[in-house]
């Protein structure tokens, strides 16, 4: 069976909300999660890999968001 994945757009606020959802679900901050995840303490569960991916997107989108805000203000 072929599975088709349709990408969805996510803005910065949506990513932040998703991180909060994971923090509430697992009971610790995203920063603490990511430190433990990178150290190999949490395994490679699909849900945890998704959390790490969302955090990565959040981190790389933050500078872009700040740049756009500065450009709009100029």
Protein backbone atom coordinates (compact mmCIF):
# COMPACT_ATOMS: atom_id res chain seq x y z
CA UNK A 1 0.00 0.00 0.00
CA UNK A 2 1.35 3.43 -0.96
CA UNK A 3 1.14 6.12 1.67
CA UNK A 4 1.00 9.72 0.53
CA UNK A 5 2.12 12.43 2.87
CA UNK A 6 0.82 15.91 2.27
CA UNK A 7 3.03 18.63 3.70
CA UNK A 8 1.38 21.26 5.84
CA UNK A 9 2.47 24.82 6.40
CA UNK A 10 3.35 25.71 9.96
CA UNK A 11 4.11 29.19 11.18
CA UNK A 12 6.36 30.11 14.09
CA UNK A 13 3.48 30.36 16.57
CA UNK A 14 2.15 26.96 15.53
CA UNK A 15 5.58 25.42 16.13
CA UNK A 16 5.74 27.07 19.57
CA UNK A 17 2.29 25.70 20.43
CA UNK A 18 3.33 22.22 19.33
CA UNK A 19 6.39 22.40 21.59
CA UNK A 20 4.19 23.37 24.54
CA UNK A 21 1.96 20.37 23.81
CA UNK A 22 4.97 18.03 23.95
CA UNK A 23 6.21 19.66 27.15
CA UNK A 24 2.85 19.11 28.79
CA UNK A 25 2.64 15.54 27.51
CA UNK A 26 6.10 14.50 28.74
CA UNK A 27 6.49 16.78 31.74
CA UNK A 28 9.72 18.57 30.94
CA UNK A 29 10.91 21.53 28.89
CA UNK A 30 11.88 21.24 25.26
CA UNK A 31 15.42 22.33 26.12
CA UNK A 32 15.74 19.56 28.72
CA UNK A 33 14.17 17.06 26.31
CA UNK A 34 16.56 18.00 23.52
CA UNK A 35 19.61 17.76 25.78
CA UNK A 36 18.56 14.28 26.88
CA UNK A 37 17.56 13.27 23.34
CA UNK A 38 20.94 14.36 21.91
CA UNK A 39 22.73 12.45 24.68
CA UNK A 40 20.89 9.27 23.66
CA UNK A 41 19.00 9.01 26.95
CA UNK A 42 15.51 8.82 25.43
CA UNK A 43 15.72 6.42 22.50
CA UNK A 44 14.26 6.93 19.05
CA UNK A 45 10.52 6.70 19.53
CA UNK A 46 8.64 8.28 16.59
CA UNK A 47 6.95 10.82 18.86
CA UNK A 48 10.28 11.93 20.31
CA UNK A 49 11.84 12.21 16.87
CA UNK A 50 8.90 14.41 15.85
CA UNK A 51 9.44 16.61 18.91
CA UNK A 52 13.13 16.95 18.00
CA UNK A 53 12.20 17.81 14.41
CA UNK A 54 9.69 20.44 15.47
CA UNK A 55 12.27 21.96 17.81
CA UNK A 56 14.81 22.05 15.00
CA UNK A 57 12.32 23.87 12.75
CA UNK A 58 11.56 26.28 15.59
CA UNK A 59 15.24 27.05 16.09
CA UNK A 60 16.00 27.66 12.42
CA UNK A 61 12.86 29.71 11.83
CA UNK A 62 13.47 32.10 14.73
CA UNK A 63 16.30 34.09 13.07
CA UNK A 64 14.27 34.33 9.86
CA UNK A 65 11.28 35.63 11.80
CA UNK A 66 13.42 38.23 13.56
CA UNK A 67 14.94 39.35 10.26
CA UNK A 68 11.52 39.74 8.68
CA UNK A 69 10.31 41.75 11.68
CA UNK A 70 13.32 44.08 11.44
CA UNK A 71 12.82 44.52 7.67
CA UNK A 72 9.15 45.35 8.15
CA UNK A 73 10.04 47.95 10.79
CA UNK A 74 12.64 49.61 8.55
